[in-house]
Structure formats: C-alpha cells, structure tokens
Amino acid sequence: TTPVQIGVATNWTVISASYVNTFAI
C-alpha cells in the first residue's frame, strides 16, 4: 500500500506497468 524499492540500482530510466506485469529499461 506504499511504494517499495525494487533492487538497489540507481540507473532506471523507463517504466511501464500493465495488467499484471511491469517492465523497465
């Protein structure tokens, strides 16, 4: 119910969420 960090990387630039998936670049 609140944001959780995914991994420790600090170089994410693109995010896309859909029905039951998420993708990132």
mmCIF file of all heavy atoms, coordinates in Angstrom:
data_MODEL
# 
_entry.id   MODEL 
# 
loop_
_atom_site.group_PDB 
_atom_site.id 
_atom_site.type_symbol 
_atom_site.label_atom_id 
_atom_site.label_alt_id 
_atom_site.label_comp_id 
_atom_site.label_asym_id 
_atom_site.label_entity_id 
_atom_site.label_seq_id 
_atom_site.pdbx_PDB_ins_code 
_atom_site.Cartn_x 
_atom_site.Cartn_y 
_atom_site.Cartn_z 
_atom_site.occupancy 
_atom_site.B_iso_or_equiv 
_atom_site.pdbx_formal_charge 
_atom_site.auth_seq_id 
_atom_site.auth_comp_id 
_atom_site.auth_asym_id 
_atom_site.auth_atom_id 
_atom_site.pdbx_PDB_model_num 
ATOM 1   N N   . THR A 1 1  ? 0.809  -1.215  0.000   1.00 0.00 ? 1  THR A N   1 
ATOM 2   C CA  . THR A 1 1  ? 0.000  0.000   0.000   1.00 0.00 ? 1  THR A CA  1 
ATOM 3   C C   . THR A 1 1  ? 0.846  1.271   0.000   1.00 0.00 ? 1  THR A C   1 
ATOM 4   O O   . THR A 1 1  ? 0.305  2.371   -0.041  1.00 0.00 ? 1  THR A O   1 
ATOM 5   C CB  . THR A 1 1  ? -0.957 0.028   1.206   1.00 0.00 ? 1  THR A CB  1 
ATOM 6   O OG1 . THR A 1 1  ? -0.184 -0.016  2.416   1.00 0.00 ? 1  THR A OG1 1 
ATOM 7   C CG2 . THR A 1 1  ? -1.902 -1.167  1.175   1.00 0.00 ? 1  THR A CG2 1 
ATOM 8   N N   . THR A 1 2  ? 2.154  1.116   0.050   1.00 0.00 ? 2  THR A N   1 
ATOM 9   C CA  . THR A 1 2  ? 3.072  2.240   -0.105  1.00 0.00 ? 2  THR A CA  1 
ATOM 10  C C   . THR A 1 2  ? 4.213  1.785   -1.013  1.00 0.00 ? 2  THR A C   1 
ATOM 11  O O   . THR A 1 2  ? 4.476  0.582   -1.138  1.00 0.00 ? 2  THR A O   1 
ATOM 12  C CB  . THR A 1 2  ? 3.659  2.699   1.255   1.00 0.00 ? 2  THR A CB  1 
ATOM 13  O OG1 . THR A 1 2  ? 4.312  1.590   1.884   1.00 0.00 ? 2  THR A OG1 1 
ATOM 14  C CG2 . THR A 1 2  ? 2.565  3.241   2.170   1.00 0.00 ? 2  THR A CG2 1 
ATOM 15  N N   . PRO A 1 3  ? 4.891  2.705   -1.672  1.00 0.00 ? 3  PRO A N   1 
ATOM 16  C CA  . PRO A 1 3  ? 5.962  2.329   -2.596  1.00 0.00 ? 3  PRO A CA  1 
ATOM 17  C C   . PRO A 1 3  ? 7.078  1.527   -1.924  1.00 0.00 ? 3  PRO A C   1 
ATOM 18  O O   . PRO A 1 3  ? 7.507  1.850   -0.814  1.00 0.00 ? 3  PRO A O   1 
ATOM 19  C CB  . PRO A 1 3  ? 6.478  3.677   -3.096  1.00 0.00 ? 3  PRO A CB  1 
ATOM 20  C CG  . PRO A 1 3  ? 5.304  4.597   -2.959  1.00 0.00 ? 3  PRO A CG  1 
ATOM 21  C CD  . PRO A 1 3  ? 4.625  4.156   -1.697  1.00 0.00 ? 3  PRO A CD  1 
ATOM 22  N N   . VAL A 1 4  ? 7.524  0.460   -2.615  1.00 0.00 ? 4  VAL A N   1 
ATOM 23  C CA  . VAL A 1 4  ? 8.672  -0.318  -2.154  1.00 0.00 ? 4  VAL A CA  1 
ATOM 24  C C   . VAL A 1 4  ? 9.746  -0.252  -3.238  1.00 0.00 ? 4  VAL A C   1 
ATOM 25  O O   . VAL A 1 4  ? 9.440  -0.318  -4.426  1.00 0.00 ? 4  VAL A O   1 
ATOM 26  C CB  . VAL A 1 4  ? 8.301  -1.790  -1.855  1.00 0.00 ? 4  VAL A CB  1 
ATOM 27  C CG1 . VAL A 1 4  ? 7.384  -1.875  -0.659  1.00 0.00 ? 4  VAL A CG1 1 
ATOM 28  C CG2 . VAL A 1 4  ? 7.675  -2.456  -3.059  1.00 0.00 ? 4  VAL A CG2 1 
ATOM 29  N N   . GLN A 1 5  ? 10.996 -0.108  -2.818  1.00 0.00 ? 5  GLN A N   1 
ATOM 30  C CA  . GLN A 1 5  ? 12.082 -0.034  -3.792  1.00 0.00 ? 5  GLN A CA  1 
ATOM 31  C C   . GLN A 1 5  ? 12.402 -1.420  -4.325  1.00 0.00 ? 5  GLN A C   1 
ATOM 32  O O   . GLN A 1 5  ? 12.459 -2.403  -3.582  1.00 0.00 ? 5  GLN A O   1 
ATOM 33  C CB  . GLN A 1 5  ? 13.334 0.573   -3.171  1.00 0.00 ? 5  GLN A CB  1 
ATOM 34  C CG  . GLN A 1 5  ? 14.461 0.775   -4.181  1.00 0.00 ? 5  GLN A CG  1 
ATOM 35  C CD  . GLN A 1 5  ? 15.666 1.483   -3.609  1.00 0.00 ? 5  GLN A CD  1 
ATOM 36  O OE1 . GLN A 1 5  ? 15.630 1.984   -2.492  1.00 0.00 ? 5  GLN A OE1 1 
ATOM 37  N NE2 . GLN A 1 5  ? 16.738 1.533   -4.372  1.00 0.00 ? 5  GLN A NE2 1 
ATOM 38  N N   . ILE A 1 6  ? 12.628 -1.505  -5.638  1.00 0.00 ? 6  ILE A N   1 
ATOM 39  C CA  . ILE A 1 6  ? 12.972 -2.752  -6.289  1.00 0.00 ? 6  ILE A CA  1 
ATOM 40  C C   . ILE A 1 6  ? 14.465 -2.754  -6.579  1.00 0.00 ? 6  ILE A C   1 
ATOM 41  O O   . ILE A 1 6  ? 14.952 -1.994  -7.417  1.00 0.00 ? 6  ILE A O   1 
ATOM 42  C CB  . ILE A 1 6  ? 12.158 -2.946  -7.588  1.00 0.00 ? 6  ILE A CB  1 
ATOM 43  C CG1 . ILE A 1 6  ? 10.668 -2.801  -7.311  1.00 0.00 ? 6  ILE A CG1 1 
ATOM 44  C CG2 . ILE A 1 6  ? 12.474 -4.297  -8.214  1.00 0.00 ? 6  ILE A CG2 1 
ATOM 45  C CD1 . ILE A 1 6  ? 10.123 -3.692  -6.211  1.00 0.00 ? 6  ILE A CD1 1 
ATOM 46  N N   . GLY A 1 7  ? 15.187 -3.611  -5.865  1.00 0.00 ? 7  GLY A N   1 
ATOM 47  C CA  . GLY A 1 7  ? 16.629 -3.664  -6.017  1.00 0.00 ? 7  GLY A CA  1 
ATOM 48  C C   . GLY A 1 7  ? 17.310 -2.420  -5.478  1.00 0.00 ? 7  GLY A C   1 
ATOM 49  O O   . GLY A 1 7  ? 16.704 -1.628  -4.743  1.00 0.00 ? 7  GLY A O   1 
ATOM 50  N N   . VAL A 1 8  ? 18.567 -2.245  -5.855  1.00 0.00 ? 8  VAL A N   1 
ATOM 51  C CA  . VAL A 1 8  ? 19.342 -1.105  -5.362  1.00 0.00 ? 8  VAL A CA  1 
ATOM 52  C C   . VAL A 1 8  ? 19.889 -0.235  -6.493  1.00 0.00 ? 8  VAL A C   1 
ATOM 53  O O   . VAL A 1 8  ? 20.562 0.766   -6.234  1.00 0.00 ? 8  VAL A O   1 
ATOM 54  C CB  . VAL A 1 8  ? 20.521 -1.582  -4.478  1.00 0.00 ? 8  VAL A CB  1 
ATOM 55  C CG1 . VAL A 1 8  ? 19.998 -2.291  -3.237  1.00 0.00 ? 8  VAL A CG1 1 
ATOM 56  C CG2 . VAL A 1 8  ? 21.461 -2.499  -5.264  1.00 0.00 ? 8  VAL A CG2 1 
ATOM 57  N N   . ALA A 1 9  ? 19.590 -0.600  -7.730  1.00 0.00 ? 9  ALA A N   1 
ATOM 58  C CA  . ALA A 1 9  ? 20.113 0.150   -8.870  1.00 0.00 ? 9  ALA A CA  1 
ATOM 59  C C   . ALA A 1 9  ? 19.594 1.587   -8.867  1.00 0.00 ? 9  ALA A C   1 
ATOM 60  O O   . ALA A 1 9  ? 18.472 1.864   -8.431  1.00 0.00 ? 9  ALA A O   1 
ATOM 61  C CB  . ALA A 1 9  ? 19.740 -0.539  -10.177 1.00 0.00 ? 9  ALA A CB  1 
ATOM 62  N N   . THR A 1 10 ? 20.408 2.484   -9.403  1.00 0.00 ? 10 THR A N   1 
ATOM 63  C CA  . THR A 1 10 ? 20.043 3.903   -9.467  1.00 0.00 ? 10 THR A CA  1 
ATOM 64  C C   . THR A 1 10 ? 20.133 4.438   -10.891 1.00 0.00 ? 10 THR A C   1 
ATOM 65  O O   . THR A 1 10 ? 20.354 5.631   -11.102 1.00 0.00 ? 10 THR A O   1 
ATOM 66  C CB  . THR A 1 10 ? 20.960 4.740   -8.551  1.00 0.00 ? 10 THR A CB  1 
ATOM 67  O OG1 . THR A 1 10 ? 22.320 4.558   -8.976  1.00 0.00 ? 10 THR A OG1 1 
ATOM 68  C CG2 . THR A 1 10 ? 20.822 4.325   -7.095  1.00 0.00 ? 10 THR A CG2 1 
ATOM 69  N N   . ASN A 1 11 ? 19.935 3.525   -11.868 1.00 0.00 ? 11 ASN A N   1 
ATOM 70  C CA  . ASN A 1 11 ? 20.070 3.949   -13.265 1.00 0.00 ? 11 ASN A CA  1 
ATOM 71  C C   . ASN A 1 11 ? 18.844 3.618   -14.107 1.00 0.00 ? 11 ASN A C   1 
ATOM 72  O O   . ASN A 1 11 ? 18.946 3.464   -15.317 1.00 0.00 ? 11 ASN A O   1 
ATOM 73  C CB  . ASN A 1 11 ? 21.315 3.315   -13.878 1.00 0.00 ? 11 ASN A CB  1 
ATOM 74  C CG  . ASN A 1 11 ? 21.223 1.792   -13.970 1.00 0.00 ? 11 ASN A CG  1 
ATOM 75  O OD1 . ASN A 1 11 ? 20.387 1.167   -13.320 1.00 0.00 ? 11 ASN A OD1 1 
ATOM 76  N ND2 . ASN A 1 11 ? 22.088 1.194   -14.778 1.00 0.00 ? 11 ASN A ND2 1 
ATOM 77  N N   . TRP A 1 12 ? 17.664 3.504   -13.488 1.00 0.00 ? 12 TRP A N   1 
ATOM 78  C CA  . TRP A 1 12 ? 16.444 3.228   -14.247 1.00 0.00 ? 12 TRP A CA  1 
ATOM 79  C C   . TRP A 1 12 ? 15.970 4.497   -14.963 1.00 0.00 ? 12 TRP A C   1 
ATOM 80  O O   . TRP A 1 12 ? 16.044 5.598   -14.425 1.00 0.00 ? 12 TRP A O   1 
ATOM 81  C CB  . TRP A 1 12 ? 15.352 2.707   -13.324 1.00 0.00 ? 12 TRP A CB  1 
ATOM 82  C CG  . TRP A 1 12 ? 15.695 1.405   -12.675 1.00 0.00 ? 12 TRP A CG  1 
ATOM 83  C CD1 . TRP A 1 12 ? 16.106 1.208   -11.382 1.00 0.00 ? 12 TRP A CD1 1 
ATOM 84  C CD2 . TRP A 1 12 ? 15.679 0.118   -13.295 1.00 0.00 ? 12 TRP A CD2 1 
ATOM 85  N NE1 . TRP A 1 12 ? 16.339 -0.130  -11.161 1.00 0.00 ? 12 TRP A NE1 1 
ATOM 86  C CE2 . TRP A 1 12 ? 16.094 -0.821  -12.311 1.00 0.00 ? 12 TRP A CE2 1 
ATOM 87  C CE3 . TRP A 1 12 ? 15.361 -0.341  -14.581 1.00 0.00 ? 12 TRP A CE3 1 
ATOM 88  C CZ2 . TRP A 1 12 ? 16.176 -2.186  -12.573 1.00 0.00 ? 12 TRP A CZ2 1 
ATOM 89  C CZ3 . TRP A 1 12 ? 15.450 -1.699  -14.838 1.00 0.00 ? 12 TRP A CZ3 1 
ATOM 90  C CH2 . TRP A 1 12 ? 15.857 -2.614  -13.850 1.00 0.00 ? 12 TRP A CH2 1 
ATOM 91  N N   . THR A 1 13 ? 15.476 4.324   -16.185 1.00 0.00 ? 13 THR A N   1 
ATOM 92  C CA  . THR A 1 13 ? 15.043 5.484   -16.970 1.00 0.00 ? 13 THR A CA  1 
ATOM 93  C C   . THR A 1 13 ? 13.631 5.353   -17.537 1.00 0.00 ? 13 THR A C   1 
ATOM 94  O O   . THR A 1 13 ? 12.964 6.356   -17.776 1.00 0.00 ? 13 THR A O   1 
ATOM 95  C CB  . THR A 1 13 ? 16.006 5.719   -18.153 1.00 0.00 ? 13 THR A CB  1 
ATOM 96  O OG1 . THR A 1 13 ? 16.064 4.532   -18.955 1.00 0.00 ? 13 THR A OG1 1 
ATOM 97  C CG2 . THR A 1 13 ? 17.399 6.072   -17.653 1.00 0.00 ? 13 THR A CG2 1 
ATOM 98  N N   . VAL A 1 14 ? 13.160 4.116   -17.780 1.00 0.00 ? 14 VAL A N   1 
ATOM 99  C CA  . VAL A 1 14 ? 11.845 3.892   -18.386 1.00 0.00 ? 14 VAL A CA  1 
ATOM 100 C C   . VAL A 1 14 ? 11.093 2.862   -17.562 1.00 0.00 ? 14 VAL A C   1 
ATOM 101 O O   . VAL A 1 14 ? 11.670 1.855   -17.135 1.00 0.00 ? 14 VAL A O   1 
ATOM 102 C CB  . VAL A 1 14 ? 11.983 3.381   -19.843 1.00 0.00 ? 14 VAL A CB  1 
ATOM 103 C CG1 . VAL A 1 14 ? 10.618 3.060   -20.433 1.00 0.00 ? 14 VAL A CG1 1 
ATOM 104 C CG2 . VAL A 1 14 ? 12.720 4.398   -20.696 1.00 0.00 ? 14 VAL A CG2 1 
ATOM 105 N N   . ILE A 1 15 ? 9.798  3.111   -17.336 1.00 0.00 ? 15 ILE A N   1 
ATOM 106 C CA  . ILE A 1 15 ? 8.962  2.158   -16.608 1.00 0.00 ? 15 ILE A CA  1 
ATOM 107 C C   . ILE A 1 15 ? 7.615  2.038   -17.314 1.00 0.00 ? 15 ILE A C   1 
ATOM 108 O O   . ILE A 1 15 ? 7.097  3.029   -17.832 1.00 0.00 ? 15 ILE A O   1 
ATOM 109 C CB  . ILE A 1 15 ? 8.769  2.592   -15.133 1.00 0.00 ? 15 ILE A CB  1 
ATOM 110 C CG1 . ILE A 1 15 ? 8.061  1.506   -14.332 1.00 0.00 ? 15 ILE A CG1 1 
ATOM 111 C CG2 . ILE A 1 15 ? 8.025  3.916   -15.023 1.00 0.00 ? 15 ILE A CG2 1 
ATOM 112 C CD1 . ILE A 1 15 ? 8.923  0.335   -14.006 1.00 0.00 ? 15 ILE A CD1 1 
ATOM 113 N N   . SER A 1 16 ? 7.076  0.822   -17.362 1.00 0.00 ? 16 SER A N   1 
ATOM 114 C CA  . SER A 1 16 ? 5.762  0.616   -17.966 1.00 0.00 ? 16 SER A CA  1 
ATOM 115 C C   . SER A 1 16 ? 5.047  -0.509  -17.239 1.00 0.00 ? 16 SER A C   1 
ATOM 116 O O   . SER A 1 16 ? 5.550  -1.633  -17.167 1.00 0.00 ? 16 SER A O   1 
ATOM 117 C CB  . SER A 1 16 ? 5.896  0.279   -19.451 1.00 0.00 ? 16 SER A CB  1 
ATOM 118 O OG  . SER A 1 16 ? 4.624  0.156   -20.052 1.00 0.00 ? 16 SER A OG  1 
ATOM 119 N N   . ALA A 1 17 ? 3.884  -0.207  -16.669 1.00 0.00 ? 17 ALA A N   1 
ATOM 120 C CA  . ALA A 1 17 ? 3.074  -1.191  -15.957 1.00 0.00 ? 17 ALA A CA  1 
ATOM 121 C C   . ALA A 1 17 ? 1.834  -1.500  -16.779 1.00 0.00 ? 17 ALA A C   1 
ATOM 122 O O   . ALA A 1 17 ? 1.278  -0.629  -17.447 1.00 0.00 ? 17 ALA A O   1 
ATOM 123 C CB  . ALA A 1 17 ? 2.673  -0.653  -14.587 1.00 0.00 ? 17 ALA A CB  1 
ATOM 124 N N   . SER A 1 18 ? 1.396  -2.775  -16.733 1.00 0.00 ? 18 SER A N   1 
ATOM 125 C CA  . SER A 1 18 ? 0.181  -3.139  -17.466 1.00 0.00 ? 18 SER A CA  1 
ATOM 126 C C   . SER A 1 18 ? -0.748 -3.908  -16.553 1.00 0.00 ? 18 SER A C   1 
ATOM 127 O O   . SER A 1 18 ? -0.814 -3.664  -15.348 1.00 0.00 ? 18 SER A O   1 
ATOM 128 C CB  . SER A 1 18 ? 0.537  -3.960  -18.710 1.00 0.00 ? 18 SER A CB  1 
ATOM 129 O OG  . SER A 1 18 ? 0.924  -5.267  -18.345 1.00 0.00 ? 18 SER A OG  1 
ATOM 130 N N   . TYR A 1 19 ? -1.442 -4.888  -17.103 1.00 0.00 ? 19 TYR A N   1 
ATOM 131 C CA  . TYR A 1 19 ? -2.443 -5.650  -16.365 1.00 0.00 ? 19 TYR A CA  1 
ATOM 132 C C   . TYR A 1 19 ? -1.836 -6.313  -15.134 1.00 0.00 ? 19 TYR A C   1 
ATOM 133 O O   . TYR A 1 19 ? -2.182 -5.982  -14.003 1.00 0.00 ? 19 TYR A O   1 
ATOM 134 C CB  . TYR A 1 19 ? -3.067 -6.673  -17.319 1.00 0.00 ? 19 TYR A CB  1 
ATOM 135 C CG  . TYR A 1 19 ? -4.131 -7.540  -16.718 1.00 0.00 ? 19 TYR A CG  1 
ATOM 136 C CD1 . TYR A 1 19 ? -5.167 -6.991  -15.957 1.00 0.00 ? 19 TYR A CD1 1 
ATOM 137 C CD2 . TYR A 1 19 ? -4.123 -8.923  -16.919 1.00 0.00 ? 19 TYR A CD2 1 
ATOM 138 C CE1 . TYR A 1 19 ? -6.150 -7.794  -15.412 1.00 0.00 ? 19 TYR A CE1 1 
ATOM 139 C CE2 . TYR A 1 19 ? -5.109 -9.724  -16.374 1.00 0.00 ? 19 TYR A CE2 1 
ATOM 140 C CZ  . TYR A 1 19 ? -6.111 -9.162  -15.621 1.00 0.00 ? 19 TYR A CZ  1 
ATOM 141 O OH  . TYR A 1 19 ? -7.076 -9.962  -15.080 1.00 0.00 ? 19 TYR A OH  1 
ATOM 142 N N   . VAL A 1 20 ? -0.933 -7.264  -15.308 1.00 0.00 ? 20 VAL A N   1 
ATOM 143 C CA  . VAL A 1 20 ? -0.267 -7.922  -14.181 1.00 0.00 ? 20 VAL A CA  1 
ATOM 144 C C   . VAL A 1 20 ? 1.226  -8.074  -14.469 1.00 0.00 ? 20 VAL A C   1 
ATOM 145 O O   . VAL A 1 20 ? 1.850  -9.066  -14.098 1.00 0.00 ? 20 VAL A O   1 
ATOM 146 C CB  . VAL A 1 20 ? -0.898 -9.292  -13.857 1.00 0.00 ? 20 VAL A CB  1 
ATOM 147 C CG1 . VAL A 1 20 ? -2.190 -9.114  -13.090 1.00 0.00 ? 20 VAL A CG1 1 
ATOM 148 C CG2 . VAL A 1 20 ? -1.140 -10.102 -15.123 1.00 0.00 ? 20 VAL A CG2 1 
ATOM 149 N N   . ASN A 1 21 ? 1.799  -7.099  -15.145 1.00 0.00 ? 21 ASN A N   1 
ATOM 150 C CA  . ASN A 1 21 ? 3.218  -7.103  -15.470 1.00 0.00 ? 21 ASN A CA  1 
ATOM 151 C C   . ASN A 1 21 ? 3.808  -5.720  -15.276 1.00 0.00 ? 21 ASN A C   1 
ATOM 152 O O   . ASN A 1 21 ? 3.089  -4.717  -15.261 1.00 0.00 ? 21 ASN A O   1 
ATOM 153 C CB  . ASN A 1 21 ? 3.473  -7.505  -16.926 1.00 0.00 ? 21 ASN A CB  1 
ATOM 154 C CG  . ASN A 1 21 ? 3.133  -8.930  -17.219 1.00 0.00 ? 21 ASN A CG  1 
ATOM 155 O OD1 . ASN A 1 21 ? 2.072  -9.200  -17.750 1.00 0.00 ? 21 ASN A OD1 1 
ATOM 156 N ND2 . ASN A 1 21 ? 4.013  -9.848  -16.884 1.00 0.00 ? 21 ASN A ND2 1 
ATOM 157 N N   . THR A 1 22 ? 5.125  -5.693  -15.179 1.00 0.00 ? 22 THR A N   1 
ATOM 158 C CA  . THR A 1 22 ? 5.854  -4.437  -15.186 1.00 0.00 ? 22 THR A CA  1 
ATOM 159 C C   . THR A 1 22 ? 7.143  -4.648  -15.970 1.00 0.00 ? 22 THR A C   1 
ATOM 160 O O   . THR A 1 22 ? 7.760  -5.708  -15.880 1.00 0.00 ? 22 THR A O   1 
ATOM 161 C CB  . THR A 1 22 ? 6.198  -3.979  -13.758 1.00 0.00 ? 22 THR A CB  1 
ATOM 162 O OG1 . THR A 1 22 ? 5.025  -4.034  -12.943 1.00 0.00 ? 22 THR A OG1 1 
ATOM 163 C CG2 . THR A 1 22 ? 6.735  -2.552  -13.753 1.00 0.00 ? 22 THR A CG2 1 
ATOM 164 N N   . PHE A 1 23 ? 7.517  -3.643  -16.751 1.00 0.00 ? 23 PHE A N   1 
ATOM 165 C CA  . PHE A 1 23 ? 8.781  -3.671  -17.487 1.00 0.00 ? 23 PHE A CA  1 
ATOM 166 C C   . PHE A 1 23 ? 9.537  -2.381  -17.216 1.00 0.00 ? 23 PHE A C   1 
ATOM 167 O O   . PHE A 1 23 ? 8.938  -1.329  -16.972 1.00 0.00 ? 23 PHE A O   1 
ATOM 168 C CB  . PHE A 1 23 ? 8.545  -3.811  -18.997 1.00 0.00 ? 23 PHE A CB  1 
ATOM 169 C CG  . PHE A 1 23 ? 8.271  -5.207  -19.443 1.00 0.00 ? 23 PHE A CG  1 
ATOM 170 C CD1 . PHE A 1 23 ? 7.033  -5.783  -19.255 1.00 0.00 ? 23 PHE A CD1 1 
ATOM 171 C CD2 . PHE A 1 23 ? 9.262  -5.961  -20.054 1.00 0.00 ? 23 PHE A CD2 1 
ATOM 172 C CE1 . PHE A 1 23 ? 6.765  -7.082  -19.666 1.00 0.00 ? 23 PHE A CE1 1 
ATOM 173 C CE2 . PHE A 1 23 ? 9.021  -7.260  -20.466 1.00 0.00 ? 23 PHE A CE2 1 
ATOM 174 C CZ  . PHE A 1 23 ? 7.769  -7.824  -20.272 1.00 0.00 ? 23 PHE A CZ  1 
ATOM 175 N N   . ALA A 1 24 ? 10.859 -2.464  -17.273 1.00 0.00 ? 24 ALA A N   1 
ATOM 176 C CA  . ALA A 1 24 ? 11.686 -1.282  -17.058 1.00 0.00 ? 24 ALA A CA  1 
ATOM 177 C C   . ALA A 1 24 ? 12.947 -1.376  -17.897 1.00 0.00 ? 24 ALA A C   1 
ATOM 178 O O   . ALA A 1 24 ? 13.423 -2.468  -18.221 1.00 0.00 ? 24 ALA A O   1 
ATOM 179 C CB  . ALA A 1 24 ? 12.043 -1.136  -15.580 1.00 0.00 ? 24 ALA A CB  1 
ATOM 180 N N   . ILE A 1 25 ? 13.480 -0.226  -18.246 1.00 0.00 ? 25 ILE A N   1 
ATOM 181 C CA  . ILE A 1 25 ? 14.717 -0.119  -19.003 1.00 0.00 ? 25 ILE A CA  1 
ATOM 182 C C   . ILE A 1 25 ? 15.674 0.760   -18.208 1.00 0.00 ? 25 ILE A C   1 
ATOM 183 O O   . ILE A 1 25 ? 15.272 1.790   -17.645 1.00 0.00 ? 25 ILE A O   1 
ATOM 184 C CB  . ILE A 1 25 ? 14.469 0.503   -20.394 1.00 0.00 ? 25 ILE A CB  1 
ATOM 185 C CG1 . ILE A 1 25 ? 13.496 -0.375  -21.203 1.00 0.00 ? 25 ILE A CG1 1 
ATOM 186 C CG2 . ILE A 1 25 ? 15.783 0.689   -21.156 1.00 0.00 ? 25 ILE A CG2 1 
ATOM 187 C CD1 . ILE A 1 25 ? 13.038 0.261   -22.496 1.00 0.00 ? 25 ILE A CD1 1 
# 
